[in-house]
C-alpha atoms as a PDB file:
ATOM      1  CA  MET A   1      83.573  83.623  96.441  1.00  0.00           C
ATOM      2  CA  ASN A   2      86.332  82.852  98.945  1.00  0.00           C
ATOM      3  CA  ILE A   3      85.640  83.124 102.672  1.00  0.00           C
ATOM      4  CA  LEU A   4      88.472  82.991 105.199  1.00  0.00           C
ATOM      5  CA  VAL A   5      87.371  81.318 108.450  1.00  0.00           C
ATOM      6  CA  CYS A   6      89.702  81.839 111.419  1.00  0.00           C
ATOM      7  CA  ASP A   7      89.114  80.126 114.782  1.00  0.00           C
ATOM      8  CA  ASP A   8      91.456  78.130 117.011  1.00  0.00           C
ATOM      9  CA  GLU A   9      88.693  75.544 117.551  1.00  0.00           C
ATOM     10  CA  LYS A  10      88.964  73.252 114.533  1.00  0.00           C
ATOM     11  CA  GLU A  11      85.490  71.813 115.121  1.00  0.00           C
ATOM     12  CA  ILE A  12      83.959  75.271 114.692  1.00  0.00           C
ATOM     13  CA  VAL A  13      85.972  75.916 111.529  1.00  0.00           C
ATOM     14  CA  GLU A  14      84.888  72.573 110.084  1.00  0.00           C
ATOM     15  CA  ALA A  15      81.229  73.205 110.970  1.00  0.00           C
ATOM     16  CA  ILE A  16      81.287  76.639 109.331  1.00  0.00           C
ATOM     17  CA  GLU A  17      82.972  75.099 106.297  1.00  0.00           C
ATOM     18  CA  ILE A  18      80.100  72.619 105.928  1.00  0.00           C
ATOM     19  CA  TYR A  19      77.424  75.316 106.280  1.00  0.00           C
ATOM     20  CA  LEU A  20      79.000  77.707 103.791  1.00  0.00           C
ATOM     21  CA  THR A  21      80.235  75.135 101.299  1.00  0.00           C
ATOM     22  CA  ASN A  22      76.615  74.003 100.975  1.00  0.00           C
ATOM     23  CA  GLU A  23      75.797  77.597 100.010  1.00  0.00           C
ATOM     24  CA  GLY A  24      78.373  77.539  97.219  1.00  0.00           C
ATOM     25  CA  TYR A  25      81.237  79.387  98.939  1.00  0.00           C
ATOM     26  CA  ASN A  26      84.886  78.308  98.924  1.00  0.00           C
ATOM     27  CA  ILE A  27      86.382  78.147 102.437  1.00  0.00           C
ATOM     28  CA  ILE A  28      89.987  78.908 103.370  1.00  0.00           C
ATOM     29  CA  LYS A  29      90.879  77.912 106.941  1.00  0.00           C
ATOM     30  CA  ALA A  30      93.115  79.544 109.558  1.00  0.00           C
ATOM     31  CA  TYR A  31      93.561  78.780 113.252  1.00  0.00           C
ATOM     32  CA  ASN A  32      95.144  81.973 114.593  1.00  0.00           C
ATOM     33  CA  GLY A  33      95.423  85.627 113.624  1.00  0.00           C
ATOM     34  CA  ARG A  34      98.932  85.427 112.203  1.00  0.00           C
ATOM     35  CA  GLN A  35      97.954  82.588 109.912  1.00  0.00           C
ATOM     36  CA  ALA A  36      94.913  84.567 108.747  1.00  0.00           C
ATOM     37  CA  ILE A  37      97.090  87.543 107.790  1.00  0.00           C
ATOM     38  CA  GLU A  38      99.437  85.302 105.784  1.00  0.00           C
ATOM     39  CA  LEU A  39      96.514  83.671 103.969  1.00  0.00           C
ATOM     40  CA  MET A  40      95.174  87.113 103.060  1.00  0.00           C
ATOM     41  CA  LYS A  41      98.428  87.755 101.186  1.00  0.00           C
ATOM     42  CA  GLU A  42      98.226  84.441  99.325  1.00  0.00           C
ATOM     43  CA  ASN A  43      94.542  84.336  98.371  1.00  0.00           C
ATOM     44  CA  GLU A  44      91.775  86.517  96.996  1.00  0.00           C
ATOM     45  CA  ILE A  45      89.438  86.769  99.998  1.00  0.00           C
ATOM     46  CA  HIS A  46      85.941  88.279  99.801  1.00  0.00           C
ATOM     47  CA  LEU A  47      84.860  87.936 103.464  1.00  0.00           C
ATOM     48  CA  ILE A  48      86.493  86.976 106.773  1.00  0.00           C
ATOM     49  CA  ILE A  49      84.903  85.182 109.716  1.00  0.00           C
ATOM     50  CA  MET A  50      87.211  85.904 112.655  1.00  0.00           C
ATOM     51  CA  ASP A  51      87.100  84.574 116.213  1.00  0.00           C
ATOM     52  CA  ILE A  52      88.109  87.010 118.955  1.00  0.00           C
ATOM     53  CA  MET A  53      89.959  84.815 121.461  1.00  0.00           C
ATOM     54  CA  MET A  54      92.853  82.922 119.810  1.00  0.00           C
ATOM     55  CA  PRO A  55      96.488  82.090 120.611  1.00  0.00           C
ATOM     56  CA  GLU A  56      99.516  83.824 119.001  1.00  0.00           C
ATOM     57  CA  MET A  57      97.420  86.735 117.717  1.00  0.00           C
ATOM     58  CA  ASP A  58      93.806  87.362 118.698  1.00  0.00           C
ATOM     59  CA  GLY A  59      91.051  88.370 116.307  1.00  0.00           C
ATOM     60  CA  ILE A  60      91.039  92.029 117.322  1.00  0.00           C
ATOM     61  CA  LYS A  61      94.748  92.529 116.581  1.00  0.00           C
ATOM     62  CA  ALA A  62      94.466  90.511 113.377  1.00  0.00           C
ATOM     63  CA  THR A  63      91.468  92.548 112.188  1.00  0.00           C
ATOM     64  CA  SER A  64      93.299  95.796 112.919  1.00  0.00           C
ATOM     65  CA  LYS A  65      96.301  94.587 110.917  1.00  0.00           C
ATOM     66  CA  ILE A  66      94.159  93.352 108.027  1.00  0.00           C
ATOM     67  CA  ARG A  67      92.328  96.674 107.876  1.00  0.00           C
ATOM     68  CA  GLU A  68      95.635  98.404 107.063  1.00  0.00           C
ATOM     69  CA  SER A  69      95.627  96.771 103.614  1.00  0.00           C
ATOM     70  CA  TYR A  70      92.222  95.210 102.901  1.00  0.00           C
ATOM     71  CA  ASN A  71      88.629  96.397 102.761  1.00  0.00           C
ATOM     72  CA  VAL A  72      86.781  93.056 102.776  1.00  0.00           C
ATOM     73  CA  PRO A  73      83.919  92.501 105.271  1.00  0.00           C
ATOM     74  CA  VAL A  74      84.908  91.032 108.643  1.00  0.00           C
ATOM     75  CA  LEU A  75      82.351  89.045 110.636  1.00  0.00           C
ATOM     76  CA  MET A  76      83.481  88.450 114.222  1.00  0.00           C
ATOM     77  CA  LEU A  77      82.685  85.421 116.352  1.00  0.00           C
ATOM     78  CA  SER A  78      82.398  86.118 120.060  1.00  0.00           C
ATOM     79  CA  ALA A  79      81.314  84.306 123.220  1.00  0.00           C
ATOM     80  CA  LYS A  80      78.547  85.939 125.262  1.00  0.00           C
ATOM     81  CA  SER A  81      81.102  86.912 127.925  1.00  0.00           C
ATOM     82  CA  GLU A  82      83.170  88.921 125.438  1.00  0.00           C
ATOM     83  CA  ASP A  83      80.904  91.950 125.015  1.00  0.00           C
ATOM     84  CA  THR A  84      83.715  94.443 125.691  1.00  0.00           C
ATOM     85  CA  ASP A  85      86.028  92.723 123.179  1.00  0.00           C
ATOM     86  CA  LYS A  86      83.127  92.642 120.733  1.00  0.00           C
ATOM     87  CA  ILE A  87      82.780  96.434 120.915  1.00  0.00           C
ATOM     88  CA  ILE A  88      86.542  96.878 120.555  1.00  0.00           C
ATOM     89  CA  GLY A  89      86.492  94.572 117.536  1.00  0.00           C
ATOM     90  CA  LEU A  90      83.799  96.644 115.845  1.00  0.00           C
ATOM     91  CA  ASN A  91      85.794  99.789 116.580  1.00  0.00           C
ATOM     92  CA  MET A  92      88.913  98.191 115.074  1.00  0.00           C
ATOM     93  CA  GLY A  93      87.202  97.502 111.753  1.00  0.00           C
ATOM     94  CA  ALA A  94      84.878  94.507 112.078  1.00  0.00           C
ATOM     95  CA  ASP A  95      81.590  94.903 110.182  1.00  0.00           C
ATOM     96  CA  ASP A  96      79.328  92.582 112.184  1.00  0.00           C
ATOM     97  CA  TYR A  97      79.430  89.835 114.800  1.00  0.00           C
ATOM     98  CA  VAL A  98      77.788  86.541 115.651  1.00  0.00           C
ATOM     99  CA  THR A  99      77.616  85.239 119.221  1.00  0.00           C
ATOM    100  CA  LYS A 100      78.722  81.652 119.920  1.00  0.00           C
ATOM    101  CA  PRO A 101      77.054  79.225 120.012  1.00  0.00           C
ATOM    102  CA  PHE A 102      75.449  80.499 116.824  1.00  0.00           C
ATOM    103  CA  ASN A 103      72.505  79.437 114.718  1.00  0.00           C
ATOM    104  CA  PRO A 104      73.799  78.279 111.304  1.00  0.00           C
ATOM    105  CA  LEU A 105      70.953  80.038 109.504  1.00  0.00           C
ATOM    106  CA  GLU A 106      71.803  83.310 111.237  1.00  0.00           C
ATOM    107  CA  LEU A 107      75.469  82.946 110.279  1.00  0.00           C
ATOM    108  CA  ILE A 108      74.585  82.272 106.641  1.00  0.00           C
ATOM    109  CA  ALA A 109      72.187  85.236 106.576  1.00  0.00           C
ATOM    110  CA  ARG A 110      74.829  87.592 107.987  1.00  0.00           C
ATOM    111  CA  VAL A 111      77.447  86.339 105.531  1.00  0.00           C
ATOM    112  CA  LYS A 112      75.109  86.913 102.586  1.00  0.00           C
ATOM    113  CA  SER A 113      74.129  90.337 103.885  1.00  0.00           C
ATOM    114  CA  GLN A 114      77.755  91.464 104.200  1.00  0.00           C
ATOM    115  CA  LEU A 115      78.664  90.128 100.767  1.00  0.00           C
ATOM    116  CA  ARG A 116      75.663  91.880  99.177  1.00  0.00           C
ATOM    117  CA  ARG A 117      76.699  95.142 100.793  1.00  0.00           C
ATOM    118  CA  TYR A 118      80.314  94.629  99.729  1.00  0.00           C
ATOM    119  CA  THR A 119      79.423  94.047  96.086  1.00  0.00           C
ATOM    120  CA  SER A 120      76.649  96.653  95.842  1.00  0.00           C
ATOM    121  CA  LEU A 121      78.842  99.443  97.211  1.00  0.00           C
ATOM    122  CA  GLY A 122      81.384  98.771  94.496  1.00  0.00           C
ATOM    123  CA  ASN A 123      84.173  97.612  96.820  1.00  0.00           C
ATOM    124  CA  PHE A 124      84.379  94.256  95.086  1.00  0.00           C
ATOM    125  CA  VAL A 125      86.227  94.434  91.804  1.00  0.00           C
ATOM    126  CA  SER A 126      86.783  91.628  89.348  1.00  0.00           C
ATOM    127  CA  LYS A 127      90.383  90.448  89.641  1.00  0.00           C
ATOM    128  CA  GLN A 128      90.861  89.620  85.972  1.00  0.00           C
ATOM    129  CA  ASN A 129      93.637  92.220  85.743  1.00  0.00           C
ATOM    130  CA  VAL A 130      95.301  91.231  89.011  1.00  0.00           C
ATOM    131  CA  PHE A 131      98.141  88.722  88.942  1.00  0.00           C
ATOM    132  CA  LYS A 132      99.408  87.175  92.155  1.00  0.00           C
ATOM    133  CA  THR A 133     101.964  84.673  93.388  1.00  0.00           C
ATOM    134  CA  GLY A 134     102.781  84.456  97.084  1.00  0.00           C
ATOM    135  CA  GLY A 135     103.106  88.023  98.358  1.00  0.00           C
ATOM    136  CA  LEU A 136     103.844  89.461  94.895  1.00  0.00           C
ATOM    137  CA  VAL A 137     100.830  91.187  93.303  1.00  0.00           C
ATOM    138  CA  ILE A 138     100.467  93.189  90.088  1.00  0.00           C
ATOM    139  CA  ASP A 139      97.253  95.141  89.584  1.00  0.00           C
ATOM    140  CA  ASP A 140      97.483  95.961  85.888  1.00  0.00           C
ATOM    141  CA  GLU A 141      94.386  98.156  85.980  1.00  0.00           C
ATOM    142  CA  LYS A 142      96.016 100.446  88.555  1.00  0.00           C
ATOM    143  CA  LYS A 143      99.554  99.745  87.293  1.00  0.00           C
ATOM    144  CA  GLU A 144     100.569  98.918  90.855  1.00  0.00           C
ATOM    145  CA  VAL A 145     103.052  96.355  92.143  1.00  0.00           C
ATOM    146  CA  THR A 146     103.195  95.249  95.787  1.00  0.00           C
ATOM    147  CA  VAL A 147     105.228  92.688  97.709  1.00  0.00           C
ATOM    148  CA  ASP A 148     103.730  91.613 101.040  1.00  0.00           C
ATOM    149  CA  CYS A 149     101.398  94.634 100.787  1.00  0.00           C
ATOM    150  CA  GLU A 150     104.337  97.046 100.402  1.00  0.00           C
ATOM    151  CA  PRO A 151     104.390  99.152  97.190  1.00  0.00           C
ATOM    152  CA  VAL A 152     107.221  98.534  94.723  1.00  0.00           C
ATOM    153  CA  LYS A 153     108.294 101.169  92.199  1.00  0.00           C
ATOM    154  CA  LEU A 154     109.332  99.747  88.824  1.00  0.00           C
ATOM    155  CA  THR A 155     110.348 101.578  85.666  1.00  0.00           C
ATOM    156  CA  PRO A 156     107.947 101.166  82.707  1.00  0.00           C
ATOM    157  CA  VAL A 157     110.246  98.573  81.094  1.00  0.00           C
ATOM    158  CA  GLU A 158     110.693  96.646  84.345  1.00  0.00           C
ATOM    159  CA  TYR A 159     106.922  96.667  84.817  1.00  0.00           C
ATOM    160  CA  LYS A 160     106.315  95.313  81.300  1.00  0.00           C
ATOM    161  CA  ILE A 161     108.839  92.508  81.790  1.00  0.00           C
ATOM    162  CA  LEU A 162     107.411  91.481  85.159  1.00  0.00           C
ATOM    163  CA  LEU A 163     103.826  91.696  83.873  1.00  0.00           C
ATOM    164  CA  LEU A 164     104.714  89.510  80.885  1.00  0.00           C
ATOM    165  CA  LEU A 165     106.207  86.848  83.145  1.00  0.00           C
ATOM    166  CA  ILE A 166     103.616  86.876  85.951  1.00  0.00           C
ATOM    167  CA  SER A 167     100.663  86.878  83.544  1.00  0.00           C
ATOM    168  CA  ASN A 168     102.151  83.717  82.021  1.00  0.00           C
ATOM    169  CA  MET A 169     103.036  82.114  85.355  1.00  0.00           C
ATOM    170  CA  GLY A 170     105.390  79.156  85.069  1.00  0.00           C
ATOM    171  CA  LYS A 171     106.076  79.687  81.363  1.00  0.00           C
ATOM    172  CA  VAL A 172     109.732  80.180  80.421  1.00  0.00           C
ATOM    173  CA  PHE A 173     110.485  83.142  78.140  1.00  0.00           C
ATOM    174  CA  SER A 174     113.728  83.335  76.225  1.00  0.00           C
ATOM    175  CA  ILE A 175     115.602  86.623  75.967  1.00  0.00           C
ATOM    176  CA  ASP A 176     114.341  86.940  72.376  1.00  0.00           C
ATOM    177  CA  ASN A 177     110.749  86.327  73.583  1.00  0.00           C
ATOM    178  CA  ILE A 178     111.033  89.007  76.267  1.00  0.00           C
ATOM    179  CA  TYR A 179     112.670  91.547  74.006  1.00  0.00           C
ATOM    180  CA  GLY A 180     110.156  90.987  71.221  1.00  0.00           C
ATOM    181  CA  SER A 181     107.178  91.258  73.611  1.00  0.00           C
ATOM    182  CA  VAL A 182     108.385  94.350  75.483  1.00  0.00           C
ATOM    183  CA  TRP A 183     110.171  96.301  72.736  1.00  0.00           C
ATOM    184  CA  ASN A 184     108.224  94.901  69.751  1.00  0.00           C
ATOM    185  CA  GLU A 185     111.397  94.374  67.752  1.00  0.00           C
ATOM    186  CA  LEU A 186     114.115  91.794  67.221  1.00  0.00           C
ATOM    187  CA  SER A 187     116.569  91.407  70.094  1.00  0.00           C
ATOM    188  CA  CYS A 188     119.824  91.922  68.168  1.00  0.00           C
ATOM    189  CA  GLY A 189     122.265  91.079  70.938  1.00  0.00           C
ATOM    190  CA  SER A 190     120.069  92.229  73.815  1.00  0.00           C
ATOM    191  CA  ASP A 191     121.213  89.548  76.303  1.00  0.00           C
ATOM    192  CA  ASN A 192     122.910  92.038  78.593  1.00  0.00           C
ATOM    193  CA  THR A 193     120.022  94.514  78.401  1.00  0.00           C
ATOM    194  CA  ILE A 194     117.518  91.906  79.601  1.00  0.00           C
ATOM    195  CA  ALA A 195     119.914  90.620  82.276  1.00  0.00           C
ATOM    196  CA  VAL A 196     120.316  94.110  83.714  1.00  0.00           C
ATOM    197  CA  HIS A 197     116.543  94.657  83.865  1.00  0.00           C
ATOM    198  CA  ILE A 198     116.009  91.248  85.480  1.00  0.00           C
ATOM    199  CA  ARG A 199     118.640  92.044  88.110  1.00  0.00           C
ATOM    200  CA  ARG A 200     116.988  95.378  88.910  1.00  0.00           C
ATOM    201  CA  ILE A 201     113.542  93.796  89.178  1.00  0.00           C
ATOM    202  CA  ARG A 202     114.910  91.157  91.555  1.00  0.00           C
ATOM    203  CA  GLU A 203     116.511  93.833  93.727  1.00  0.00           C
ATOM    204  CA  LYS A 204     113.067  95.398  94.136  1.00  0.00           C
ATOM    205  CA  ILE A 205     110.816  92.348  94.597  1.00  0.00           C
ATOM    206  CA  GLU A 206     113.028  89.723  96.228  1.00  0.00           C
ATOM    207  CA  ILE A 207     114.061  89.528  99.892  1.00  0.00           C
ATOM    208  CA  ASP A 208     117.334  87.930  98.740  1.00  0.00           C
ATOM    209  CA  PRO A 209     117.971  88.666  95.036  1.00  0.00           C
ATOM    210  CA  LYS A 210     120.693  85.991  94.978  1.00  0.00           C
ATOM    211  CA  LYS A 211     118.129  83.389  96.049  1.00  0.00           C
ATOM    212  CA  PRO A 212     114.995  84.611  94.231  1.00  0.00           C
ATOM    213  CA  ARG A 213     111.608  83.342  95.267  1.00  0.00           C
ATOM    214  CA  TYR A 214     109.663  84.760  92.339  1.00  0.00           C
ATOM    215  CA  LEU A 215     111.760  85.634  89.298  1.00  0.00           C
ATOM    216  CA  LYS A 216     113.721  82.527  88.336  1.00  0.00           C
ATOM    217  CA  VAL A 217     116.334  81.829  85.670  1.00  0.00           C
ATOM    218  CA  VAL A 218     116.185  78.600  83.676  1.00  0.00           C
ATOM    219  CA  TRP A 219     119.801  78.280  82.622  1.00  0.00           C
ATOM    220  CA  GLY A 220     120.312  78.222  78.880  1.00  0.00           C
ATOM    221  CA  VAL A 221     116.614  78.820  78.245  1.00  0.00           C
ATOM    222  CA  GLY A 222     115.333  82.054  79.794  1.00  0.00           C
ATOM    223  CA  TYR A 223     113.294  83.426  82.699  1.00  0.00           C
ATOM    224  CA  LYS A 224     109.995  82.747  84.407  1.00  0.00           C
ATOM    225  CA  VAL A 225     107.906  83.824  87.407  1.00  0.00           C
ATOM    226  CA  GLU A 226     107.307  80.833  89.635  1.00  0.00           C
ATOM    227  CA  LYS A 227     104.006  79.995  91.278  1.00  0.00           C
ATOM    228  CA  ASN A 228     104.277  80.246  95.084  1.00  0.00           C
END
């Protein structure tokens, strides 16, 4: 499981990484709230350890923002003098807190407790049907597409094309490949049909469709979704 650890003190982040790596967890590191939010978009996170007092964006604001889109457990780190902020943090969506300086065994126990609760309540779902690159996510089970947590509405054909490409990330598909996979028939001069659908998909998922981040053309060969 992936745990996002966010604290502006690198020594604390590194210490937590050692403790939790020894327990078999994978650690993703952030050093301010804004960075934590960006990493949430780029990674599948199962639990967050979030410090309260940080530059750029503090842990309370970051937790509030994360709660708008994610339901993973949040474990807050707080100094003894931050009792008021601790209460605010819990009210803003944190699930538990640990006071610094903390006992490593207590931290590990609280992490395991939150993860057990998360999985037993059915909030954790296997991501086998979720495909992700950068801020672009397709949940094929729910038939949902989002870009930077914002929903994107695709037609059924557009969805099938994008799903084909993102589920085979980095692989180039010719027009004939795409047509055969989506329509289950020979292309028969379908170059323009595919080009129109690709253009429409780009208009919906790209910030600048003329300089696409996700859906790329390989001139003379075909199209692919690029890993970000």
